[in-house]
Amino acid sequence: MPKLRHIALSVPDPDKAAAFYQKAFGLRRVGSTNSPLATGVYLSDGVINIALLKYKTDEAAGKERGKSYVGVHHFGFVVEDLEATSKLVEACGGQFFLDLPASRDTLYYERKYRDPDGIIFDISHHGWGVGEE
């Protein structure tokens, strides 16, 4: 069964948001990013990875939201069989729109989809970091 393991929030200041969640809930910093799409901080409670992201462009954030959007952006599932899950998601009406990064061999590879209501979610065969950075 796929496991929910990733929630991404679009925030104006990832470091400030991270400090809040670390102090208020004891979450640990497990990574960071400065990609062409976003800057951000990854936190975890040891089970769920929370990405605090500041998107660099409206396109990267999704045109329907834009880079100024603040709130829940997407979530992700770790799956055992990426190809089989991709086929099932698409058969159920999910629409694929992005491999990120393009190489499936990287630790943070994910396939991005929109559900029939347009909600963004990821599937990954490696998952997202939940241990120390």
C-alpha atoms as a PDB file:
ATOM      1  CA  MET A   1       0.000   0.000   0.000  1.00  0.00           C
ATOM      2  CA  PRO A   2       1.339   3.479  -0.830  1.00  0.00           C
ATOM      3  CA  LYS A   3       2.251   5.562   2.236  1.00  0.00           C
ATOM      4  CA  LEU A   4       1.637   9.291   2.677  1.00  0.00           C
ATOM      5  CA  ARG A   5       5.112  10.670   3.457  1.00  0.00           C
ATOM      6  CA  HIS A   6       5.355  14.222   2.073  1.00  0.00           C
ATOM      7  CA  ILE A   7       3.483  17.505   2.456  1.00  0.00           C
ATOM      8  CA  ALA A   8       4.651  20.700   0.745  1.00  0.00           C
ATOM      9  CA  LEU A   9       3.726  24.184   1.910  1.00  0.00           C
ATOM     10  CA  SER A  10       4.285  27.294  -0.173  1.00  0.00           C
ATOM     11  CA  VAL A  11       5.666  29.959   2.168  1.00  0.00           C
ATOM     12  CA  PRO A  12       7.191  33.435   1.762  1.00  0.00           C
ATOM     13  CA  ASP A  13      10.248  32.677   3.981  1.00  0.00           C
ATOM     14  CA  PRO A  14      11.261  29.004   4.320  1.00  0.00           C
ATOM     15  CA  ASP A  15      13.833  29.631   7.088  1.00  0.00           C
ATOM     16  CA  LYS A  16      11.346  31.615   9.185  1.00  0.00           C
ATOM     17  CA  ALA A  17       8.665  28.953   8.692  1.00  0.00           C
ATOM     18  CA  ALA A  18      11.173  26.208   9.565  1.00  0.00           C
ATOM     19  CA  ALA A  19      12.145  27.970  12.789  1.00  0.00           C
ATOM     20  CA  PHE A  20       8.480  28.099  13.813  1.00  0.00           C
ATOM     21  CA  TYR A  21       7.820  24.393  13.173  1.00  0.00           C
ATOM     22  CA  GLN A  22      11.090  23.365  14.789  1.00  0.00           C
ATOM     23  CA  LYS A  23      10.360  25.355  17.948  1.00  0.00           C
ATOM     24  CA  ALA A  24       6.618  24.684  18.151  1.00  0.00           C
ATOM     25  CA  PHE A  25       6.649  20.974  17.286  1.00  0.00           C
ATOM     26  CA  GLY A  26      10.247  19.775  17.621  1.00  0.00           C
ATOM     27  CA  LEU A  27      10.568  18.891  13.931  1.00  0.00           C
ATOM     28  CA  ARG A  28      14.106  18.213  12.695  1.00  0.00           C
ATOM     29  CA  ARG A  29      15.739  19.813   9.687  1.00  0.00           C
ATOM     30  CA  VAL A  30      16.516  17.024   7.209  1.00  0.00           C
ATOM     31  CA  GLY A  31      17.463  18.949   4.086  1.00  0.00           C
ATOM     32  CA  SER A  32      17.278  22.052   1.955  1.00  0.00           C
ATOM     33  CA  THR A  33      16.945  22.979  -1.700  1.00  0.00           C
ATOM     34  CA  ASN A  34      17.873  25.768  -4.046  1.00  0.00           C
ATOM     35  CA  SER A  35      16.650  24.372  -7.352  1.00  0.00           C
ATOM     36  CA  PRO A  36      15.550  26.196 -10.496  1.00  0.00           C
ATOM     37  CA  LEU A  37      11.984  25.803  -9.192  1.00  0.00           C
ATOM     38  CA  ALA A  38      12.210  26.824  -5.530  1.00  0.00           C
ATOM     39  CA  THR A  39      14.277  27.449  -2.443  1.00  0.00           C
ATOM     40  CA  GLY A  40      13.259  25.586   0.653  1.00  0.00           C
ATOM     41  CA  VAL A  41      13.806  23.693   3.855  1.00  0.00           C
ATOM     42  CA  TYR A  42      12.774  20.093   4.582  1.00  0.00           C
ATOM     43  CA  LEU A  43      11.657  19.129   8.087  1.00  0.00           C
ATOM     44  CA  SER A  44      10.521  15.812   9.536  1.00  0.00           C
ATOM     45  CA  ASP A  45       9.061  14.166  12.597  1.00  0.00           C
ATOM     46  CA  GLY A  46      10.758  10.917  11.542  1.00  0.00           C
ATOM     47  CA  VAL A  47       7.786   9.722   9.483  1.00  0.00           C
ATOM     48  CA  ILE A  48       6.462  12.606   7.384  1.00  0.00           C
ATOM     49  CA  ASN A  49       8.616  15.016   5.367  1.00  0.00           C
ATOM     50  CA  ILE A  50       7.394  18.624   5.262  1.00  0.00           C
ATOM     51  CA  ALA A  51       8.769  20.825   2.487  1.00  0.00           C
ATOM     52  CA  LEU A  52       8.638  24.583   3.138  1.00  0.00           C
ATOM     53  CA  LEU A  53       9.059  26.055  -0.335  1.00  0.00           C
ATOM     54  CA  LYS A  54       9.350  29.519  -1.851  1.00  0.00           C
ATOM     55  CA  TYR A  55       8.680  29.114  -5.557  1.00  0.00           C
ATOM     56  CA  LYS A  56      10.769  31.221  -7.929  1.00  0.00           C
ATOM     57  CA  THR A  57       8.240  31.610 -10.757  1.00  0.00           C
ATOM     58  CA  ASP A  58       4.499  31.411 -11.291  1.00  0.00           C
ATOM     59  CA  GLU A  59       5.076  28.491 -13.669  1.00  0.00           C
ATOM     60  CA  ALA A  60       7.047  26.526 -11.057  1.00  0.00           C
ATOM     61  CA  ALA A  61       4.315  27.090  -8.463  1.00  0.00           C
ATOM     62  CA  GLY A  62       1.579  26.173 -10.902  1.00  0.00           C
ATOM     63  CA  LYS A  63      -0.099  28.865 -12.928  1.00  0.00           C
ATOM     64  CA  GLU A  64      -3.370  28.437 -11.039  1.00  0.00           C
ATOM     65  CA  ARG A  65      -1.641  29.513  -7.802  1.00  0.00           C
ATOM     66  CA  GLY A  66       1.425  31.519  -8.722  1.00  0.00           C
ATOM     67  CA  LYS A  67       4.590  32.112  -6.718  1.00  0.00           C
ATOM     68  CA  SER A  68       2.827  34.396  -4.197  1.00  0.00           C
ATOM     69  CA  TYR A  69       0.431  31.660  -3.049  1.00  0.00           C
ATOM     70  CA  VAL A  70       0.796  30.722   0.639  1.00  0.00           C
ATOM     71  CA  GLY A  71      -0.631  27.444   1.896  1.00  0.00           C
ATOM     72  CA  VAL A  72      -0.683  23.715   1.265  1.00  0.00           C
ATOM     73  CA  HIS A  73       0.736  23.172  -2.211  1.00  0.00           C
ATOM     74  CA  HIS A  74       0.895  19.391  -2.700  1.00  0.00           C
ATOM     75  CA  PHE A  75       1.457  16.066  -0.956  1.00  0.00           C
ATOM     76  CA  GLY A  76       3.241  12.844  -1.870  1.00  0.00           C
ATOM     77  CA  PHE A  77       3.067   9.077  -1.591  1.00  0.00           C
ATOM     78  CA  VAL A  78       5.934   6.590  -1.430  1.00  0.00           C
ATOM     79  CA  VAL A  79       5.084   3.611  -3.639  1.00  0.00           C
ATOM     80  CA  GLU A  80       6.775   0.254  -4.186  1.00  0.00           C
ATOM     81  CA  ASP A  81       6.194   0.028  -7.952  1.00  0.00           C
ATOM     82  CA  LEU A  82       6.406   3.403  -9.669  1.00  0.00           C
ATOM     83  CA  GLU A  83       5.329   2.158 -13.113  1.00  0.00           C
ATOM     84  CA  ALA A  84       2.339   0.156 -11.883  1.00  0.00           C
ATOM     85  CA  THR A  85       1.188   3.025  -9.659  1.00  0.00           C
ATOM     86  CA  SER A  86       1.603   5.519 -12.512  1.00  0.00           C
ATOM     87  CA  LYS A  87      -0.614   3.369 -14.744  1.00  0.00           C
ATOM     88  CA  LEU A  88      -3.239   2.993 -12.015  1.00  0.00           C
ATOM     89  CA  VAL A  89      -3.261   6.731 -11.216  1.00  0.00           C
ATOM     90  CA  GLU A  90      -3.721   7.583 -14.891  1.00  0.00           C
ATOM     91  CA  ALA A  91      -6.431   4.920 -15.338  1.00  0.00           C
ATOM     92  CA  CYS A  92      -8.287   6.497 -12.406  1.00  0.00           C
ATOM     93  CA  GLY A  93      -8.183   9.963 -14.004  1.00  0.00           C
ATOM     94  CA  GLY A  94      -4.925  11.397 -12.653  1.00  0.00           C
ATOM     95  CA  GLN A  95      -3.013  13.571 -15.108  1.00  0.00           C
ATOM     96  CA  PHE A  96       0.791  13.359 -15.182  1.00  0.00           C
ATOM     97  CA  PHE A  97       2.580  16.677 -15.741  1.00  0.00           C
ATOM     98  CA  LEU A  98       6.217  16.534 -14.553  1.00  0.00           C
ATOM     99  CA  ASP A  99       9.135  14.257 -13.655  1.00  0.00           C
ATOM    100  CA  LEU A 100      11.312  16.023 -11.093  1.00  0.00           C
ATOM    101  CA  PRO A 101      14.238  15.827 -11.570  1.00  0.00           C
ATOM    102  CA  ALA A 102      14.289  14.267 -15.017  1.00  0.00           C
ATOM    103  CA  SER A 103      16.512  11.344 -13.888  1.00  0.00           C
ATOM    104  CA  ARG A 104      14.730   8.563 -11.984  1.00  0.00           C
ATOM    105  CA  ASP A 105      17.981   7.485 -10.324  1.00  0.00           C
ATOM    106  CA  THR A 106      18.197  10.446  -7.944  1.00  0.00           C
ATOM    107  CA  LEU A 107      17.188  10.105  -4.300  1.00  0.00           C
ATOM    108  CA  TYR A 108      14.452  12.744  -4.571  1.00  0.00           C
ATOM    109  CA  TYR A 109      12.915  11.672  -7.896  1.00  0.00           C
ATOM    110  CA  GLU A 110       9.151  12.128  -8.027  1.00  0.00           C
ATOM    111  CA  ARG A 111       6.372  12.056 -10.625  1.00  0.00           C
ATOM    112  CA  LYS A 112       3.918  14.932 -10.333  1.00  0.00           C
ATOM    113  CA  TYR A 113       0.213  14.517 -11.047  1.00  0.00           C
ATOM    114  CA  ARG A 114      -3.057  16.384 -10.747  1.00  0.00           C
ATOM    115  CA  ASP A 115      -6.082  14.487  -9.462  1.00  0.00           C
ATOM    116  CA  PRO A 116      -9.459  14.896 -11.235  1.00  0.00           C
ATOM    117  CA  ASP A 117     -10.099  18.050  -9.142  1.00  0.00           C
ATOM    118  CA  GLY A 118      -6.725  19.573 -10.055  1.00  0.00           C
ATOM    119  CA  ILE A 119      -5.046  18.898  -6.682  1.00  0.00           C
ATOM    120  CA  ILE A 120      -1.303  18.278  -7.093  1.00  0.00           C
ATOM    121  CA  PHE A 121       0.316  15.149  -5.658  1.00  0.00           C
ATOM    122  CA  ASP A 122       3.586  13.278  -6.127  1.00  0.00           C
ATOM    123  CA  ILE A 123       4.522   9.618  -6.221  1.00  0.00           C
ATOM    124  CA  SER A 124       8.075   8.459  -5.513  1.00  0.00           C
ATOM    125  CA  HIS A 125       9.823   5.114  -5.261  1.00  0.00           C
ATOM    126  CA  HIS A 126      12.566   6.548  -3.022  1.00  0.00           C
ATOM    127  CA  GLY A 127      10.511   8.892  -0.878  1.00  0.00           C
ATOM    128  CA  TRP A 128      11.614  12.041   0.855  1.00  0.00           C
ATOM    129  CA  GLY A 129      14.166  12.464   3.599  1.00  0.00           C
ATOM    130  CA  VAL A 130      12.963  11.907   7.140  1.00  0.00           C
ATOM    131  CA  GLY A 131      16.382  11.504   8.815  1.00  0.00           C
ATOM    132  CA  GLU A 132      19.000  14.047   9.796  1.00  0.00           C
ATOM    133  CA  GLU A 133      20.510  16.308   7.103  1.00  0.00           C
END
